[in-house]
C-alpha atoms as a PDB file:
ATOM      1  CA  UNK A   1     -29.961   4.176 -14.521  1.00  0.00           C
ATOM      2  CA  UNK A   2     -31.136   3.934 -11.890  1.00  0.00           C
ATOM      3  CA  UNK A   3     -29.770  -0.304 -11.773  1.00  0.00           C
ATOM      4  CA  UNK A   4     -26.279   1.357 -12.427  1.00  0.00           C
ATOM      5  CA  UNK A   5     -26.966   3.487  -9.089  1.00  0.00           C
ATOM      6  CA  UNK A   6     -27.525   0.620  -7.219  1.00  0.00           C
ATOM      7  CA  UNK A   7     -25.123  -0.818  -8.103  1.00  0.00           C
ATOM      8  CA  UNK A   8     -22.243   1.600  -7.511  1.00  0.00           C
ATOM      9  CA  UNK A   9     -23.572   2.007  -3.918  1.00  0.00           C
ATOM     10  CA  UNK A  10     -23.796  -1.908  -3.108  1.00  0.00           C
ATOM     11  CA  UNK A  11     -19.988  -1.592  -4.668  1.00  0.00           C
ATOM     12  CA  UNK A  12     -19.202   0.868  -2.512  1.00  0.00           C
ATOM     13  CA  UNK A  13     -21.031  -0.689   0.715  1.00  0.00           C
ATOM     14  CA  UNK A  14     -19.115  -4.073  -0.456  1.00  0.00           C
ATOM     15  CA  UNK A  15     -15.562  -2.359  -0.132  1.00  0.00           C
ATOM     16  CA  UNK A  16     -16.616  -0.280   2.956  1.00  0.00           C
ATOM     17  CA  UNK A  17     -17.925  -3.751   5.397  1.00  0.00           C
ATOM     18  CA  UNK A  18     -20.812  -0.576   5.797  1.00  0.00           C
ATOM     19  CA  UNK A  19     -23.591   1.056   5.357  1.00  0.00           C
ATOM     20  CA  UNK A  20     -22.655   4.110   7.008  1.00  0.00           C
ATOM     21  CA  UNK A  21     -18.801   4.104   5.955  1.00  0.00           C
ATOM     22  CA  UNK A  22     -20.063   3.508   2.249  1.00  0.00           C
ATOM     23  CA  UNK A  23     -22.893   6.999   2.857  1.00  0.00           C
ATOM     24  CA  UNK A  24     -19.988   8.987   3.904  1.00  0.00           C
ATOM     25  CA  UNK A  25     -17.715   7.867   1.633  1.00  0.00           C
ATOM     26  CA  UNK A  26     -20.363   8.851  -1.087  1.00  0.00           C
ATOM     27  CA  UNK A  27     -21.738  11.581   0.185  1.00  0.00           C
ATOM     28  CA  UNK A  28     -25.312  11.101   1.164  1.00  0.00           C
ATOM     29  CA  UNK A  29     -27.653   9.608   3.573  1.00  0.00           C
ATOM     30  CA  UNK A  30     -27.275   6.045   4.843  1.00  0.00           C
ATOM     31  CA  UNK A  31     -30.953   5.490   4.530  1.00  0.00           C
ATOM     32  CA  UNK A  32     -31.135   6.111   0.665  1.00  0.00           C
ATOM     33  CA  UNK A  33     -28.125   3.515   0.119  1.00  0.00           C
ATOM     34  CA  UNK A  34     -29.510   0.846   2.669  1.00  0.00           C
ATOM     35  CA  UNK A  35     -33.176   1.638   0.269  1.00  0.00           C
ATOM     36  CA  UNK A  36     -31.734   1.259  -3.054  1.00  0.00           C
ATOM     37  CA  UNK A  37     -29.579  -1.779  -2.128  1.00  0.00           C
ATOM     38  CA  UNK A  38     -32.376  -3.682  -1.067  1.00  0.00           C
ATOM     39  CA  UNK A  39     -34.274  -1.970  -4.849  1.00  0.00           C
ATOM     40  CA  UNK A  40     -30.878  -4.122  -6.112  1.00  0.00           C
ATOM     41  CA  UNK A  41     -31.759  -7.001  -4.527  1.00  0.00           C
ATOM     42  CA  UNK A  42     -35.342  -7.763  -5.257  1.00  0.00           C
ATOM     43  CA  UNK A  43     -34.864  -7.052  -8.914  1.00  0.00           C
ATOM     44  CA  UNK A  44     -31.688  -9.626  -9.130  1.00  0.00           C
ATOM     45  CA  UNK A  45     -34.068 -12.327  -6.779  1.00  0.00           C
ATOM     46  CA  UNK A  46     -30.989 -13.044  -4.359  1.00  0.00           C
ATOM     47  CA  UNK A  47     -29.540 -11.888  -0.957  1.00  0.00           C
ATOM     48  CA  UNK A  48     -26.292  -9.945  -1.517  1.00  0.00           C
ATOM     49  CA  UNK A  49     -25.414  -8.783   1.538  1.00  0.00           C
ATOM     50  CA  UNK A  50     -26.134  -9.831   4.694  1.00  0.00           C
ATOM     51  CA  UNK A  51     -26.112  -7.505   7.541  1.00  0.00           C
ATOM     52  CA  UNK A  52     -25.361  -7.060  10.955  1.00  0.00           C
ATOM     53  CA  UNK A  53     -24.939  -4.437  14.177  1.00  0.00           C
ATOM     54  CA  UNK A  54     -21.006  -4.461  13.528  1.00  0.00           C
ATOM     55  CA  UNK A  55     -20.668  -5.546  10.033  1.00  0.00           C
ATOM     56  CA  UNK A  56     -21.865  -5.914   6.979  1.00  0.00           C
ATOM     57  CA  UNK A  57     -20.417  -8.878   4.929  1.00  0.00           C
ATOM     58  CA  UNK A  58     -21.116 -10.375   0.730  1.00  0.00           C
ATOM     59  CA  UNK A  59     -23.101 -13.494   0.636  1.00  0.00           C
ATOM     60  CA  UNK A  60     -21.758 -16.187  -2.012  1.00  0.00           C
ATOM     61  CA  UNK A  61     -23.891 -14.710  -4.637  1.00  0.00           C
ATOM     62  CA  UNK A  62     -22.873 -11.083  -3.554  1.00  0.00           C
ATOM     63  CA  UNK A  63     -19.045 -11.690  -3.916  1.00  0.00           C
ATOM     64  CA  UNK A  64     -19.754 -13.173  -7.363  1.00  0.00           C
ATOM     65  CA  UNK A  65     -22.264 -10.052  -8.345  1.00  0.00           C
ATOM     66  CA  UNK A  66     -19.549  -7.759  -6.618  1.00  0.00           C
ATOM     67  CA  UNK A  67     -16.499  -8.596  -8.694  1.00  0.00           C
ATOM     68  CA  UNK A  68     -18.886  -8.191 -12.322  1.00  0.00           C
ATOM     69  CA  UNK A  69     -21.215  -4.675 -11.043  1.00  0.00           C
ATOM     70  CA  UNK A  70     -17.728  -3.061  -9.669  1.00  0.00           C
ATOM     71  CA  UNK A  71     -16.052  -2.890 -13.372  1.00  0.00           C
ATOM     72  CA  UNK A  72     -18.845  -1.774 -14.848  1.00  0.00           C
ATOM     73  CA  UNK A  73     -18.979   0.942 -11.885  1.00  0.00           C
ATOM     74  CA  UNK A  74     -15.717   2.445 -12.714  1.00  0.00           C
ATOM     75  CA  UNK A  75     -15.878   1.472 -16.443  1.00  0.00           C
ATOM     76  CA  UNK A  76     -19.473   4.309 -16.356  1.00  0.00           C
ATOM     77  CA  UNK A  77     -17.550   6.873 -14.371  1.00  0.00           C
ATOM     78  CA  UNK A  78     -14.881   6.831 -16.305  1.00  0.00           C
ATOM     79  CA  UNK A  79     -16.947   7.212 -19.226  1.00  0.00           C
ATOM     80  CA  UNK A  80     -19.601  10.293 -17.422  1.00  0.00           C
ATOM     81  CA  UNK A  81     -15.530  11.903 -16.237  1.00  0.00           C
ATOM     82  CA  UNK A  82     -15.243  12.051 -20.235  1.00  0.00           C
ATOM     83  CA  UNK A  83     -18.323  13.925 -20.966  1.00  0.00           C
ATOM     84  CA  UNK A  84     -18.527  16.447 -17.937  1.00  0.00           C
ATOM     85  CA  UNK A  85     -14.407  17.163 -18.517  1.00  0.00           C
ATOM     86  CA  UNK A  86     -12.931  16.095 -15.493  1.00  0.00           C
ATOM     87  CA  UNK A  87     -10.358  13.917 -17.230  1.00  0.00           C
ATOM     88  CA  UNK A  88      -8.659  17.915 -17.224  1.00  0.00           C
ATOM     89  CA  UNK A  89      -9.943  19.210 -13.617  1.00  0.00           C
ATOM     90  CA  UNK A  90      -9.987  15.922 -10.836  1.00  0.00           C
ATOM     91  CA  UNK A  91     -11.968  16.609  -8.084  1.00  0.00           C
ATOM     92  CA  UNK A  92     -13.614  14.031  -5.327  1.00  0.00           C
ATOM     93  CA  UNK A  93     -12.445  12.284  -2.715  1.00  0.00           C
ATOM     94  CA  UNK A  94      -9.126   9.911  -2.675  1.00  0.00           C
ATOM     95  CA  UNK A  95      -8.957   7.031  -0.909  1.00  0.00           C
ATOM     96  CA  UNK A  96      -5.550   5.746  -0.482  1.00  0.00           C
ATOM     97  CA  UNK A  97      -4.565   2.819   1.747  1.00  0.00           C
ATOM     98  CA  UNK A  98      -0.298   3.111   2.679  1.00  0.00           C
ATOM     99  CA  UNK A  99       1.976   1.365   5.709  1.00  0.00           C
ATOM    100  CA  UNK A 100       2.145   4.271   8.062  1.00  0.00           C
ATOM    101  CA  UNK A 101       6.341   4.153   8.063  1.00  0.00           C
ATOM    102  CA  UNK A 102       5.964   5.217   4.522  1.00  0.00           C
ATOM    103  CA  UNK A 103       3.130   7.296   4.718  1.00  0.00           C
ATOM    104  CA  UNK A 104       5.563   9.628   7.446  1.00  0.00           C
ATOM    105  CA  UNK A 105       8.708   9.417   5.504  1.00  0.00           C
ATOM    106  CA  UNK A 106       6.767   9.662   1.549  1.00  0.00           C
ATOM    107  CA  UNK A 107       3.586   9.965   1.104  1.00  0.00           C
ATOM    108  CA  UNK A 108       2.625  13.177   4.143  1.00  0.00           C
ATOM    109  CA  UNK A 109       4.506  15.521   1.674  1.00  0.00           C
ATOM    110  CA  UNK A 110       4.048  14.326  -1.723  1.00  0.00           C
ATOM    111  CA  UNK A 111       0.057  14.682  -0.110  1.00  0.00           C
ATOM    112  CA  UNK A 112       0.469  18.038   0.391  1.00  0.00           C
ATOM    113  CA  UNK A 113       2.155  18.993  -2.561  1.00  0.00           C
ATOM    114  CA  UNK A 114      -0.494  17.480  -4.697  1.00  0.00           C
ATOM    115  CA  UNK A 115      -3.630  18.917  -2.847  1.00  0.00           C
ATOM    116  CA  UNK A 116      -1.787  22.403  -3.478  1.00  0.00           C
ATOM    117  CA  UNK A 117      -2.685  21.603  -7.473  1.00  0.00           C
ATOM    118  CA  UNK A 118      -6.089  19.882  -6.378  1.00  0.00           C
ATOM    119  CA  UNK A 119      -8.078  22.007  -4.183  1.00  0.00           C
ATOM    120  CA  UNK A 120     -11.200  20.254  -5.287  1.00  0.00           C
ATOM    121  CA  UNK A 121      -9.747  16.612  -4.289  1.00  0.00           C
ATOM    122  CA  UNK A 122     -10.033  15.258  -1.024  1.00  0.00           C
ATOM    123  CA  UNK A 123      -7.692  12.704   1.003  1.00  0.00           C
ATOM    124  CA  UNK A 124      -8.625   9.580   3.070  1.00  0.00           C
ATOM    125  CA  UNK A 125      -5.452   8.587   4.355  1.00  0.00           C
ATOM    126  CA  UNK A 126      -5.832   4.134   5.274  1.00  0.00           C
ATOM    127  CA  UNK A 127      -2.498   3.666   7.163  1.00  0.00           C
ATOM    128  CA  UNK A 128      -1.618  -0.146   6.932  1.00  0.00           C
ATOM    129  CA  UNK A 129       0.933  -2.891   6.496  1.00  0.00           C
ATOM    130  CA  UNK A 130       3.801  -3.133   3.765  1.00  0.00           C
ATOM    131  CA  UNK A 131       2.263  -6.863   2.763  1.00  0.00           C
ATOM    132  CA  UNK A 132       1.373  -7.214  -0.726  1.00  0.00           C
ATOM    133  CA  UNK A 133      -0.796 -10.147  -1.318  1.00  0.00           C
ATOM    134  CA  UNK A 134      -3.581 -10.760  -4.783  1.00  0.00           C
ATOM    135  CA  UNK A 135      -6.292  -8.774  -3.036  1.00  0.00           C
ATOM    136  CA  UNK A 136      -7.886  -6.023  -4.284  1.00  0.00           C
ATOM    137  CA  UNK A 137      -7.751  -3.234  -1.413  1.00  0.00           C
ATOM    138  CA  UNK A 138     -11.462  -2.586   0.024  1.00  0.00           C
ATOM    139  CA  UNK A 139     -12.698   0.977  -0.285  1.00  0.00           C
ATOM    140  CA  UNK A 140      -9.670   2.165  -1.378  1.00  0.00           C
ATOM    141  CA  UNK A 141      -8.598   3.855  -4.719  1.00  0.00           C
ATOM    142  CA  UNK A 142      -4.805   2.935  -5.186  1.00  0.00           C
ATOM    143  CA  UNK A 143      -2.395   1.256  -2.465  1.00  0.00           C
ATOM    144  CA  UNK A 144       1.284   1.898  -2.185  1.00  0.00           C
ATOM    145  CA  UNK A 145       2.431  -2.214  -1.696  1.00  0.00           C
ATOM    146  CA  UNK A 146       6.299  -2.839  -1.154  1.00  0.00           C
ATOM    147  CA  UNK A 147       8.104  -6.532  -2.811  1.00  0.00           C
ATOM    148  CA  UNK A 148       7.165  -8.882  -4.457  1.00  0.00           C
ATOM    149  CA  UNK A 149       3.937  -8.441  -6.097  1.00  0.00           C
ATOM    150  CA  UNK A 150       2.092 -11.677  -7.182  1.00  0.00           C
ATOM    151  CA  UNK A 151      -0.275 -12.902 -10.197  1.00  0.00           C
ATOM    152  CA  UNK A 152      -3.573 -11.410  -9.931  1.00  0.00           C
ATOM    153  CA  UNK A 153      -6.212  -9.757 -11.928  1.00  0.00           C
ATOM    154  CA  UNK A 154      -5.037  -6.264 -10.015  1.00  0.00           C
ATOM    155  CA  UNK A 155      -3.218  -3.795 -12.116  1.00  0.00           C
ATOM    156  CA  UNK A 156       0.751  -2.146 -10.305  1.00  0.00           C
ATOM    157  CA  UNK A 157       2.758   1.033 -11.754  1.00  0.00           C
ATOM    158  CA  UNK A 158       5.993   1.217  -9.931  1.00  0.00           C
ATOM    159  CA  UNK A 159       6.873   3.727  -7.867  1.00  0.00           C
ATOM    160  CA  UNK A 160      10.648   3.871  -7.213  1.00  0.00           C
ATOM    161  CA  UNK A 161      12.831   0.912  -4.636  1.00  0.00           C
ATOM    162  CA  UNK A 162      13.227   1.514  -1.313  1.00  0.00           C
ATOM    163  CA  UNK A 163      16.980   1.261  -0.136  1.00  0.00           C
ATOM    164  CA  UNK A 164      17.975  -0.114   3.375  1.00  0.00           C
ATOM    165  CA  UNK A 165      21.028  -1.530   5.721  1.00  0.00           C
ATOM    166  CA  UNK A 166      21.213  -3.670   8.453  1.00  0.00           C
ATOM    167  CA  UNK A 167      20.641  -2.203  12.321  1.00  0.00           C
ATOM    168  CA  UNK A 168      21.348  -3.306  15.562  1.00  0.00           C
ATOM    169  CA  UNK A 169      21.495  -1.409  18.967  1.00  0.00           C
ATOM    170  CA  UNK A 170      24.599  -1.522  20.794  1.00  0.00           C
ATOM    171  CA  UNK A 171      23.003  -2.843  23.778  1.00  0.00           C
ATOM    172  CA  UNK A 172      21.954  -6.136  21.657  1.00  0.00           C
ATOM    173  CA  UNK A 173      25.227  -6.018  19.223  1.00  0.00           C
ATOM    174  CA  UNK A 174      26.989  -6.145  23.221  1.00  0.00           C
ATOM    175  CA  UNK A 175      25.361  -8.916  24.366  1.00  0.00           C
ATOM    176  CA  UNK A 176      24.904 -11.037  21.224  1.00  0.00           C
ATOM    177  CA  UNK A 177      28.022  -9.741  19.337  1.00  0.00           C
ATOM    178  CA  UNK A 178      28.203  -8.308  15.509  1.00  0.00           C
ATOM    179  CA  UNK A 179      28.428 -10.544  12.407  1.00  0.00           C
ATOM    180  CA  UNK A 180      31.360 -10.230  10.554  1.00  0.00           C
ATOM    181  CA  UNK A 181      30.288 -11.460   7.448  1.00  0.00           C
ATOM    182  CA  UNK A 182      26.470 -12.521   6.520  1.00  0.00           C
ATOM    183  CA  UNK A 183      26.530 -16.203   7.105  1.00  0.00           C
ATOM    184  CA  UNK A 184      26.731 -14.920  10.568  1.00  0.00           C
ATOM    185  CA  UNK A 185      23.283 -13.541  10.493  1.00  0.00           C
ATOM    186  CA  UNK A 186      21.884 -16.904  10.624  1.00  0.00           C
ATOM    187  CA  UNK A 187      23.013 -16.807  14.209  1.00  0.00           C
ATOM    188  CA  UNK A 188      21.078 -13.911  15.475  1.00  0.00           C
ATOM    189  CA  UNK A 189      17.429 -12.562  16.315  1.00  0.00           C
ATOM    190  CA  UNK A 190      16.508 -10.610  13.201  1.00  0.00           C
ATOM    191  CA  UNK A 191      13.133  -9.017  12.158  1.00  0.00           C
ATOM    192  CA  UNK A 192      11.899  -9.187   8.621  1.00  0.00           C
ATOM    193  CA  UNK A 193       8.844  -7.361   6.977  1.00  0.00           C
ATOM    194  CA  UNK A 194       6.053  -9.373   6.102  1.00  0.00           C
ATOM    195  CA  UNK A 195       6.542  -7.556   2.228  1.00  0.00           C
ATOM    196  CA  UNK A 196       3.678 -10.621   0.268  1.00  0.00           C
ATOM    197  CA  UNK A 197       2.288 -13.643   1.268  1.00  0.00           C
ATOM    198  CA  UNK A 198       2.356 -14.785   5.794  1.00  0.00           C
ATOM    199  CA  UNK A 199       6.256 -15.313   6.389  1.00  0.00           C
ATOM    200  CA  UNK A 200       8.087 -12.801   6.009  1.00  0.00           C
ATOM    201  CA  UNK A 201      10.969 -12.253   2.798  1.00  0.00           C
ATOM    202  CA  UNK A 202      15.006 -13.280   2.599  1.00  0.00           C
ATOM    203  CA  UNK A 203      17.142 -10.688   3.036  1.00  0.00           C
ATOM    204  CA  UNK A 204      19.482 -10.450   0.079  1.00  0.00           C
ATOM    205  CA  UNK A 205      22.657  -8.870   0.806  1.00  0.00           C
ATOM    206  CA  UNK A 206      25.059  -7.297  -2.128  1.00  0.00           C
ATOM    207  CA  UNK A 207      28.239  -5.554  -1.454  1.00  0.00           C
ATOM    208  CA  UNK A 208      30.063  -5.035  -5.214  1.00  0.00           C
ATOM    209  CA  UNK A 209      29.572  -7.996  -7.576  1.00  0.00           C
ATOM    210  CA  UNK A 210      29.146 -10.179  -4.125  1.00  0.00           C
ATOM    211  CA  UNK A 211      25.839 -11.208  -3.303  1.00  0.00           C
ATOM    212  CA  UNK A 212      23.993 -13.124  -0.761  1.00  0.00           C
ATOM    213  CA  UNK A 213      20.716 -15.048  -0.111  1.00  0.00           C
ATOM    214  CA  UNK A 214      20.133 -15.121   4.160  1.00  0.00           C
ATOM    215  CA  UNK A 215      17.511 -17.461   4.126  1.00  0.00           C
ATOM    216  CA  UNK A 216      17.683 -18.440   7.655  1.00  0.00           C
ATOM    217  CA  UNK A 217      13.981 -18.069   9.480  1.00  0.00           C
ATOM    218  CA  UNK A 218      13.398 -14.458  10.791  1.00  0.00           C
ATOM    219  CA  UNK A 219      12.692 -14.568  14.867  1.00  0.00           C
ATOM    220  CA  UNK A 220      10.192 -11.531  14.335  1.00  0.00           C
ATOM    221  CA  UNK A 221       8.161 -10.894  12.223  1.00  0.00           C
ATOM    222  CA  UNK A 222       6.277  -7.796  11.289  1.00  0.00           C
ATOM    223  CA  UNK A 223       4.532  -5.843   8.580  1.00  0.00           C
ATOM    224  CA  UNK A 224       5.147  -2.275   9.138  1.00  0.00           C
ATOM    225  CA  UNK A 225       8.568  -0.718   9.598  1.00  0.00           C
ATOM    226  CA  UNK A 226       7.677   1.568  11.828  1.00  0.00           C
ATOM    227  CA  UNK A 227       7.496  -1.498  14.063  1.00  0.00           C
ATOM    228  CA  UNK A 228      10.992  -3.509  12.385  1.00  0.00           C
ATOM    229  CA  UNK A 229      12.517   0.032  14.266  1.00  0.00           C
ATOM    230  CA  UNK A 230      10.969   0.266  17.237  1.00  0.00           C
ATOM    231  CA  UNK A 231      11.896  -3.454  17.927  1.00  0.00           C
ATOM    232  CA  UNK A 232      15.189  -3.153  16.809  1.00  0.00           C
ATOM    233  CA  UNK A 233      15.769   0.229  18.888  1.00  0.00           C
ATOM    234  CA  UNK A 234      14.143  -2.439  22.044  1.00  0.00           C
ATOM    235  CA  UNK A 235      16.970  -4.262  21.454  1.00  0.00           C
ATOM    236  CA  UNK A 236      14.916  -7.204  20.206  1.00  0.00           C
ATOM    237  CA  UNK A 237      17.555  -8.898  17.570  1.00  0.00           C
ATOM    238  CA  UNK A 238      18.906  -6.932  13.885  1.00  0.00           C
ATOM    239  CA  UNK A 239      16.314  -5.477  11.039  1.00  0.00           C
ATOM    240  CA  UNK A 240      17.135  -4.108   7.740  1.00  0.00           C
ATOM    241  CA  UNK A 241      15.575  -0.468   7.478  1.00  0.00           C
ATOM    242  CA  UNK A 242      15.028   2.328   5.366  1.00  0.00           C
ATOM    243  CA  UNK A 243      15.099   6.015   5.621  1.00  0.00           C
ATOM    244  CA  UNK A 244      17.894   8.791   7.745  1.00  0.00           C
ATOM    245  CA  UNK A 245      18.846   6.569  11.138  1.00  0.00           C
ATOM    246  CA  UNK A 246      21.663   9.552  11.376  1.00  0.00           C
ATOM    247  CA  UNK A 247      20.208  10.755  14.364  1.00  0.00           C
ATOM    248  CA  UNK A 248      19.610   7.192  16.006  1.00  0.00           C
ATOM    249  CA  UNK A 249      22.627   6.294  15.477  1.00  0.00           C
ATOM    250  CA  UNK A 250      23.755   9.501  16.915  1.00  0.00           C
ATOM    251  CA  UNK A 251      21.927   8.983  20.267  1.00  0.00           C
ATOM    252  CA  UNK A 252      23.258   5.535  20.040  1.00  0.00           C
ATOM    253  CA  UNK A 253      20.199   4.209  19.864  1.00  0.00           C
ATOM    254  CA  UNK A 254      21.022   1.995  16.727  1.00  0.00           C
ATOM    255  CA  UNK A 255      24.433   0.747  15.603  1.00  0.00           C
ATOM    256  CA  UNK A 256      25.441  -0.176  11.128  1.00  0.00           C
ATOM    257  CA  UNK A 257      25.569  -4.309  10.972  1.00  0.00           C
ATOM    258  CA  UNK A 258      27.666  -5.603   8.308  1.00  0.00           C
ATOM    259  CA  UNK A 259      27.734  -1.765   7.208  1.00  0.00           C
ATOM    260  CA  UNK A 260      30.196  -2.756   3.841  1.00  0.00           C
ATOM    261  CA  UNK A 261      26.566  -4.548   2.627  1.00  0.00           C
ATOM    262  CA  UNK A 262      23.473  -3.245   1.296  1.00  0.00           C
ATOM    263  CA  UNK A 263      19.958  -4.631   0.792  1.00  0.00           C
ATOM    264  CA  UNK A 264      18.166  -5.559  -2.568  1.00  0.00           C
ATOM    265  CA  UNK A 265      15.568  -2.274  -3.426  1.00  0.00           C
ATOM    266  CA  UNK A 266      12.890  -3.267  -2.872  1.00  0.00           C
ATOM    267  CA  UNK A 267       9.731  -2.411  -5.092  1.00  0.00           C
ATOM    268  CA  UNK A 268       7.008   0.382  -4.420  1.00  0.00           C
ATOM    269  CA  UNK A 269       3.986   0.029  -6.779  1.00  0.00           C
ATOM    270  CA  UNK A 270       0.731   1.474  -6.293  1.00  0.00           C
ATOM    271  CA  UNK A 271      -1.849  -0.923  -6.893  1.00  0.00           C
ATOM    272  CA  UNK A 272      -5.530  -0.598  -8.493  1.00  0.00           C
ATOM    273  CA  UNK A 273      -7.706  -3.047  -9.277  1.00  0.00           C
ATOM    274  CA  UNK A 274      -7.875  -1.674 -12.791  1.00  0.00           C
ATOM    275  CA  UNK A 275      -6.159   0.583 -15.758  1.00  0.00           C
ATOM    276  CA  UNK A 276     -10.012   2.193 -16.666  1.00  0.00           C
ATOM    277  CA  UNK A 277      -9.117   5.234 -14.058  1.00  0.00           C
ATOM    278  CA  UNK A 278     -10.825   8.169 -13.188  1.00  0.00           C
ATOM    279  CA  UNK A 279      -9.025  11.503 -13.179  1.00  0.00           C
ATOM    280  CA  UNK A 280      -7.868  11.783  -9.302  1.00  0.00           C
ATOM    281  CA  UNK A 281      -6.509   8.480  -9.313  1.00  0.00           C
ATOM    282  CA  UNK A 282      -4.311   8.485 -12.758  1.00  0.00           C
ATOM    283  CA  UNK A 283      -3.041  11.513 -11.962  1.00  0.00           C
ATOM    284  CA  UNK A 284      -2.292  11.073  -8.417  1.00  0.00           C
ATOM    285  CA  UNK A 285      -0.047   8.401  -9.420  1.00  0.00           C
ATOM    286  CA  UNK A 286       1.357  10.329 -11.924  1.00  0.00           C
ATOM    287  CA  UNK A 287       1.940  12.792 -10.001  1.00  0.00           C
ATOM    288  CA  UNK A 288       3.615  10.402  -6.531  1.00  0.00           C
ATOM    289  CA  UNK A 289       6.230   9.042  -9.818  1.00  0.00           C
ATOM    290  CA  UNK A 290       7.518  12.389 -10.280  1.00  0.00           C
ATOM    291  CA  UNK A 291       7.344  13.524  -7.259  1.00  0.00           C
ATOM    292  CA  UNK A 292       9.740  10.100  -5.833  1.00  0.00           C
ATOM    293  CA  UNK A 293      12.463  11.699  -7.991  1.00  0.00           C
ATOM    294  CA  UNK A 294      12.899  15.057  -7.446  1.00  0.00           C
ATOM    295  CA  UNK A 295      15.980  15.556  -4.788  1.00  0.00           C
ATOM    296  CA  UNK A 296      13.310  17.425  -2.449  1.00  0.00           C
ATOM    297  CA  UNK A 297      12.167  14.724  -1.217  1.00  0.00           C
ATOM    298  CA  UNK A 298      14.738  12.508  -1.335  1.00  0.00           C
ATOM    299  CA  UNK A 299      16.023  13.452   1.912  1.00  0.00           C
ATOM    300  CA  UNK A 300      12.606  13.343   3.517  1.00  0.00           C
ATOM    301  CA  UNK A 301      11.017   9.760   2.363  1.00  0.00           C
ATOM    302  CA  UNK A 302      13.096   5.583   3.196  1.00  0.00           C
ATOM    303  CA  UNK A 303      15.419   5.676   0.629  1.00  0.00           C
ATOM    304  CA  UNK A 304      16.147   6.543  -2.997  1.00  0.00           C
ATOM    305  CA  UNK A 305      13.309   6.021  -5.270  1.00  0.00           C
ATOM    306  CA  UNK A 306      14.346   4.740  -8.999  1.00  0.00           C
ATOM    307  CA  UNK A 307      11.944   5.751 -11.424  1.00  0.00           C
ATOM    308  CA  UNK A 308      10.296   4.010 -13.705  1.00  0.00           C
ATOM    309  CA  UNK A 309       9.865   5.115 -17.311  1.00  0.00           C
ATOM    310  CA  UNK A 310       7.806   2.123 -18.662  1.00  0.00           C
ATOM    311  CA  UNK A 311       4.531   3.283 -17.382  1.00  0.00           C
ATOM    312  CA  UNK A 312       1.587   0.936 -15.964  1.00  0.00           C
ATOM    313  CA  UNK A 313       1.700  -2.465 -16.327  1.00  0.00           C
ATOM    314  CA  UNK A 314      -0.346  -4.773 -15.029  1.00  0.00           C
ATOM    315  CA  UNK A 315       0.263  -7.794 -12.998  1.00  0.00           C
ATOM    316  CA  UNK A 316      -0.664 -10.803 -14.515  1.00  0.00           C
ATOM    317  CA  UNK A 317      -0.082 -12.093 -17.830  1.00  0.00           C
ATOM    318  CA  UNK A 318      -3.700 -12.009 -18.550  1.00  0.00           C
END
């Protein structure tokens, strides 16, 4: 039991890269965390963490140990909750990682609604870009990610999709001219949104039965939709933006580009490290999938979300 507790504390430090942040998340003194992790290192006979005044990093042995012990800790937490009946009453800190623009438009209303249902849950929100990737988010229970997901050991639940159109500032279009066809985009400065890997994904446009894949490199590549929108307003180029842009169109900050063409929907997923989820995480993902499909939420989020009836599925085939 003592070793399992040390593994739990070690896993939190590894995720947070900090003894103090891990202690705050667990609600225990930092000295307690440090002491138990040191005892764990003496028990295994290897240094698991490299400590500095600014950051804590895993050693090579620590990375191997972390991959094993985080799953053991997750299984133990679920088993403990089952015995305590917490599968019916979610509680404790829920750490969520999400892109800033999506948080403002869609997630915050869902958080407020979920919090009213479960007053014992505390929310820790971390703002990040929209990139996917095959690495688990650090110090996070669930990450909201966009676009295609690579094969990995992570587990994903499809929440819906973002629907976007092309926009640019009137000043940009006045100086460069408006494209008449999707092929004309190759001659323009385009603002790409990175949803996975190092490069922004190509634009896949559709109009009824017609499809066009814009493969030309984007001049700007960002990992946050808010940055893409701001660059478009500043006249940097053409951007693919979701959400309700009527206010910016009316104010003359943006103008539609190729208005007869839509971009193919961008998938939205809730990503976790394991299927063995505590009640707070599992209930939140279920709640979010249902909430994003309600008419009340439709006007508050960027694009229309289409719920997936298939439930949770692994990103990998194994």
